[in-house]
Protein backbone atom coordinates (compact mmCIF):
# COMPACT_ATOMS: atom_id res chain seq x y z
CA MET A 1 22.42 -25.58 23.34
CA LYS A 2 22.49 -24.34 19.58
CA PRO A 3 25.48 -22.03 19.09
CA GLU A 4 23.17 -19.39 17.24
CA MET A 5 21.20 -18.98 20.69
CA LYS A 6 23.90 -16.93 22.48
CA GLU A 7 23.69 -14.53 19.28
CA LYS A 8 20.01 -14.46 19.57
CA ALA A 9 20.23 -13.73 23.51
CA LYS A 10 22.79 -10.77 22.61
CA ARG A 11 20.46 -9.35 19.79
CA LEU A 12 17.37 -9.25 22.19
CA GLY A 13 19.14 -7.82 24.85
CA PHE A 14 19.79 -10.38 27.54
CA LYS A 15 22.95 -8.88 28.90
CA THR A 16 23.00 -10.88 32.13
CA ILE A 17 22.56 -14.12 30.24
CA VAL A 18 25.10 -13.43 27.63
CA ALA A 19 27.62 -12.26 30.20
CA ASN A 20 27.05 -15.59 32.21
CA TRP A 21 26.45 -17.80 29.15
CA SER A 22 28.37 -20.74 30.43
CA GLU A 23 25.94 -20.96 33.54
CA TYR A 24 22.81 -20.54 31.53
CA GLU A 25 23.31 -22.57 28.34
CA GLY A 26 22.38 -25.50 29.58
CA GLN A 27 19.10 -24.62 31.21
CA ASP A 28 15.96 -26.34 29.59
CA TRP A 29 14.02 -23.04 29.79
CA LEU A 30 16.77 -20.89 27.85
CA GLU A 31 15.86 -21.85 24.07
CA PRO A 32 11.83 -21.64 24.48
CA LEU A 33 12.38 -18.28 26.24
CA LEU A 34 14.53 -16.67 23.62
CA LEU A 35 12.34 -17.94 20.69
CA ALA A 36 9.11 -16.90 22.45
CA GLU A 37 10.68 -13.36 23.03
CA GLU A 38 11.96 -13.01 19.62
CA LYS A 39 8.35 -14.07 18.06
CA GLU A 40 6.56 -11.58 20.48
CA ARG A 41 9.01 -8.74 19.34
CA ASP A 42 8.69 -9.71 15.56
CA GLN A 43 5.00 -9.58 16.08
CA ARG A 44 5.06 -6.22 17.73
CA SER A 45 7.28 -4.84 15.14
CA LEU A 46 5.06 -5.96 12.11
CA GLU A 47 1.98 -4.32 14.02
CA ARG A 48 4.17 -1.12 14.50
CA ARG A 49 5.09 -1.26 10.74
CA ILE A 50 1.44 -1.74 9.82
CA ARG A 51 0.27 1.18 11.72
CA GLU A 52 3.01 3.45 10.25
CA ALA A 53 2.34 2.23 6.88
CA HIS A 54 -1.24 3.70 6.85
CA ILE A 55 -2.81 1.05 4.73
CA GLY A 56 -6.37 1.20 6.48
CA GLN A 57 -9.06 -1.34 6.26
CA PHE A 58 -9.22 -3.32 3.10
CA LYS A 59 -10.75 -6.57 1.68
CA PRO A 60 -8.32 -9.46 0.85
CA MET A 61 -7.77 -10.36 -2.72
CA SER A 62 -9.67 -13.59 -2.20
CA GLN A 63 -12.83 -11.53 -2.20
CA PHE A 64 -11.87 -9.63 -5.47
CA ASP A 65 -14.52 -10.37 -8.10
CA TRP A 66 -12.50 -11.00 -11.23
CA ASP A 67 -15.52 -11.68 -13.14
CA TRP A 68 -16.85 -8.08 -12.64
CA PRO A 69 -14.44 -5.87 -14.61
CA GLU A 70 -15.05 -5.90 -18.40
CA LYS A 71 -11.29 -5.66 -18.83
CA ILE A 72 -8.44 -6.58 -16.39
CA ASP A 73 -5.18 -8.62 -16.77
CA ARG A 74 -5.61 -11.20 -13.92
CA GLU A 75 -2.32 -12.93 -14.60
CA LEU A 76 -0.53 -9.67 -14.48
CA VAL A 77 -2.07 -8.56 -11.34
CA GLU A 78 -1.42 -12.06 -9.67
CA GLU A 79 2.15 -11.82 -10.77
CA LEU A 80 2.68 -8.55 -8.99
CA PHE A 81 2.12 -10.42 -5.66
CA SER A 82 5.45 -12.06 -6.10
CA LEU A 83 6.90 -8.82 -5.45
CA ASP A 84 9.45 -9.02 -8.32
CA PHE A 85 8.74 -5.59 -9.28
CA LEU A 86 10.34 -4.29 -5.79
CA LYS A 87 13.42 -6.36 -6.66
CA GLU A 88 13.72 -4.82 -10.05
CA VAL A 89 12.67 -1.27 -8.74
CA ALA A 90 10.01 -1.04 -11.22
CA ASN A 91 6.68 0.97 -10.64
CA VAL A 92 3.08 -0.18 -11.00
CA VAL A 93 0.27 1.97 -12.36
CA LEU A 94 -3.27 0.96 -11.87
CA VAL A 95 -5.59 2.95 -14.17
CA GLY A 96 -9.44 2.74 -14.10
CA THR A 97 -12.45 4.51 -13.45
CA ASN A 98 -13.90 4.65 -9.89
CA GLY A 99 -15.24 1.52 -7.86
CA LEU A 100 -13.29 -1.34 -9.95
CA GLY A 101 -10.81 -2.06 -6.99
CA LYS A 102 -7.86 -0.34 -7.80
CA SER A 103 -7.07 0.76 -4.11
CA MET A 104 -8.06 -2.76 -3.10
CA ILE A 105 -5.20 -4.19 -5.26
CA ALA A 106 -2.86 -1.52 -3.99
CA GLN A 107 -3.58 -2.10 -0.49
CA ASN A 108 -3.10 -5.61 -0.73
CA LEU A 109 0.02 -5.35 -2.53
CA ALA A 110 1.27 -2.81 0.27
CA TYR A 111 0.39 -5.49 2.85
CA GLN A 112 2.16 -8.16 1.05
CA SER A 113 5.29 -5.90 0.77
CA LEU A 114 5.26 -5.34 4.74
CA MET A 115 4.69 -9.01 5.38
CA ASN A 116 7.79 -9.70 3.36
CA GLY A 117 9.79 -7.08 5.38
CA TYR A 118 9.91 -4.32 3.15
CA SER A 119 9.40 -0.65 4.34
CA THR A 120 6.07 0.63 3.05
CA ARG A 121 3.85 3.64 3.03
CA PHE A 122 0.22 4.10 1.73
CA VAL A 123 -1.15 7.69 1.06
CA LYS A 124 -3.97 9.44 -0.79
CA ALA A 125 -2.36 11.69 -3.22
CA SER A 126 -4.34 14.84 -1.85
CA ARG A 127 -3.25 14.20 1.83
CA MET A 128 0.39 13.66 0.73
CA LEU A 129 0.48 17.05 -1.45
CA GLU A 130 -1.43 18.89 1.37
CA GLU A 131 1.13 17.59 3.92
CA LEU A 132 3.96 18.97 1.82
CA THR A 133 2.66 22.23 1.46
CA THR A 134 2.40 22.85 5.20
CA PHE A 135 6.33 22.91 5.47
CA ASP A 136 7.62 26.06 4.29
CA GLY A 137 11.14 25.92 5.64
CA SER A 138 13.74 23.93 3.57
CA ILE A 139 14.80 21.68 6.36
CA SER A 140 11.33 20.73 7.30
CA ARG A 141 10.29 20.12 3.71
CA ARG A 142 13.11 18.15 3.12
CA ARG A 143 12.43 15.95 6.12
CA CYS A 144 8.78 15.49 5.02
CA LEU A 145 9.79 14.57 1.62
CA GLN A 146 12.16 12.00 2.91
CA ARG A 147 9.37 10.20 4.42
CA TYR A 148 7.83 9.54 1.15
CA CYS A 149 11.20 9.10 -0.82
CA LYS A 150 12.62 6.58 1.65
CA PRO A 151 10.13 3.64 1.95
CA LYS A 152 11.17 0.67 -0.50
CA LEU A 153 7.49 0.87 -1.51
CA LEU A 154 5.34 4.02 -1.63
CA VAL A 155 1.65 3.64 -2.78
CA ILE A 156 0.06 6.92 -4.01
CA ASP A 157 -3.65 6.39 -4.17
CA GLU A 158 -5.99 8.57 -6.27
CA VAL A 159 -4.19 10.62 -8.48
CA GLY A 160 -6.60 12.55 -10.71
CA TYR A 161 -9.42 12.79 -8.46
CA MET A 162 -8.79 16.37 -7.83
CA ASN A 163 -7.21 19.14 -10.07
CA TYR A 164 -4.01 20.80 -8.46
CA ASP A 165 -2.18 23.85 -9.36
CA ASN A 166 1.50 23.93 -10.50
CA ARG A 167 2.83 23.97 -6.83
CA PHE A 168 1.24 20.65 -6.32
CA ALA A 169 2.59 19.15 -9.69
CA ASP A 170 6.13 20.37 -8.54
CA LEU A 171 5.74 18.64 -5.19
CA LEU A 172 4.44 15.29 -6.76
CA TYR A 173 7.33 15.49 -9.11
CA GLU A 174 9.73 15.95 -6.37
CA VAL A 175 8.59 12.79 -4.64
CA VAL A 176 8.58 10.79 -7.88
CA SER A 177 11.88 12.00 -9.04
CA GLY A 178 13.39 11.38 -5.41
CA ARG A 179 12.51 7.63 -5.62
CA TYR A 180 13.41 7.31 -9.41
CA GLN A 181 15.54 4.31 -10.09
CA LYS A 182 15.90 3.92 -6.18
CA CYS A 183 12.63 2.53 -4.89
CA SER A 184 9.40 1.39 -6.33
CA THR A 185 6.12 3.45 -6.44
CA ILE A 186 2.52 2.34 -6.98
CA VAL A 187 0.08 4.87 -8.27
CA THR A 188 -3.58 4.43 -8.60
CA THR A 189 -5.54 6.90 -10.89
CA ASN A 190 -8.83 7.41 -12.58
CA LYS A 191 -7.28 9.29 -15.60
CA GLY A 192 -5.16 8.13 -18.57
CA PHE A 193 -1.70 9.84 -18.65
CA THR A 194 -2.77 11.86 -21.53
CA GLU A 195 -5.19 13.58 -19.11
CA TRP A 196 -2.76 14.30 -16.58
CA GLY A 197 -2.25 17.79 -18.06
CA ALA A 198 -5.56 18.48 -16.85
CA ILE A 199 -4.87 17.45 -13.26
CA PHE A 200 -2.06 19.89 -13.25
CA PRO A 201 -2.89 22.41 -15.67
CA SER A 202 0.14 24.21 -17.29
CA ALA A 203 2.69 22.41 -15.00
CA ALA A 204 5.93 22.00 -16.98
CA CYS A 205 7.11 19.14 -15.12
CA VAL A 206 4.16 16.78 -16.11
CA VAL A 207 5.87 15.16 -19.00
CA THR A 208 8.84 14.41 -17.20
CA LEU A 209 6.73 13.17 -14.04
CA VAL A 210 4.91 10.78 -16.29
CA ASP A 211 7.99 9.64 -18.01
CA GLN A 212 9.57 8.72 -14.98
CA LEU A 213 6.84 6.93 -13.58
CA LEU A 214 6.38 4.87 -16.72
CA HIS A 215 9.97 3.95 -16.86
CA LYS A 216 10.23 0.39 -15.86
CA ALA A 217 6.47 0.25 -15.03
CA GLU A 218 3.77 -2.41 -14.96
CA ALA A 219 0.55 -0.90 -16.15
CA VAL A 220 -2.76 -2.42 -15.08
CA VAL A 221 -5.67 -1.13 -16.94
CA ILE A 222 -9.33 -1.81 -15.36
CA GLU A 223 -12.23 -1.08 -17.39
CA GLY A 224 -15.87 -1.61 -16.48
CA LYS A 225 -18.63 -0.28 -14.12
CA SER A 226 -18.36 0.57 -10.51
CA TYR A 227 -18.34 -2.57 -8.38
CA ARG A 228 -19.52 -0.32 -5.38
CA HIS A 229 -22.46 0.76 -7.54
CA LYS A 230 -23.31 -3.05 -8.23
CA GLU A 231 -23.15 -3.75 -4.63
CA ALA A 232 -25.29 -0.78 -3.66
CA LEU A 233 -27.96 -2.02 -6.25
CA GLU A 234 -27.70 -5.72 -4.85
CA ARG A 235 -28.01 -4.35 -1.28
CA ALA A 236 -31.05 -2.18 -2.58
CA ALA A 237 -32.61 -5.30 -4.18
CA ALA A 238 -32.00 -7.55 -1.20
CA LYS A 239 -33.98 -5.06 1.21
CA GLU A 240 -36.89 -4.57 -1.37
CA ALA A 241 -37.06 -8.52 -1.41
CA ALA A 242 -36.99 -8.49 2.39
CA ARG A 243 -39.80 -6.01 2.73
CA LYS A 244 -41.88 -7.85 -0.05
CA ASN A 245 -41.47 -11.21 2.02
CA LYS A 246 -42.42 -9.39 5.30
CA ARG A 247 -45.50 -7.86 3.72
CA LYS A 248 -46.50 -11.23 2.18
CA SER A 249 -46.20 -12.94 5.42
CA LYS A 250 -48.38 -10.30 7.18
CA LYS A 251 -51.10 -11.07 4.64
CA GLU A 252 -50.85 -14.57 5.15
CA GLN A 253 -51.30 -14.40 8.71
């Protein structure tokens, strides 16, 4: 029996087996049992962490159409999946108009992070800010902030899709500053940073917020027309072609 098997049994909570190790260590069934239990627990742990990360449904990067965007740094995007930015405590900013795959890339990066054992959270900017506003007490607010400041990777999706008042800007700043130089943050946005003043009108913290996000950050700019719009046109064309074929076959009968 391998010596590490006793430590594995202890870690898995097999107290009776550990207490009577000399009796059990020679049994042929013991090592397969411990390995199977460890695998099952690791799988349950991964499934739980995926649920808690709230990544949602997403397409794998193998389905990303690199030829569709008019501008995208494919080499930089693929480098991000090495997760070196997490080791460097750097941020990632994905900038582009709607329907170009920003969220798809961010979701895949979040999943890759989870698969490599990093604590991860994915959240829409509007949902995070609305949740933070519901906590008025200092203790409950601090606990809620901690849920967003603690993960090794936090993905804040769709910043800029709505305009917010100064209170929301301050809350976003608290999250970003709470993670600054401690944990990595991915942000997807449809607005360039020069336009963030319009998202948070008159908010004094915007300049510092942007400065902290961009410090040690990889910026991916995606330009082009909406891929979702392209898919909608293709579906419409396919349906029209099917209707034409149906009408043609009826005439031929």
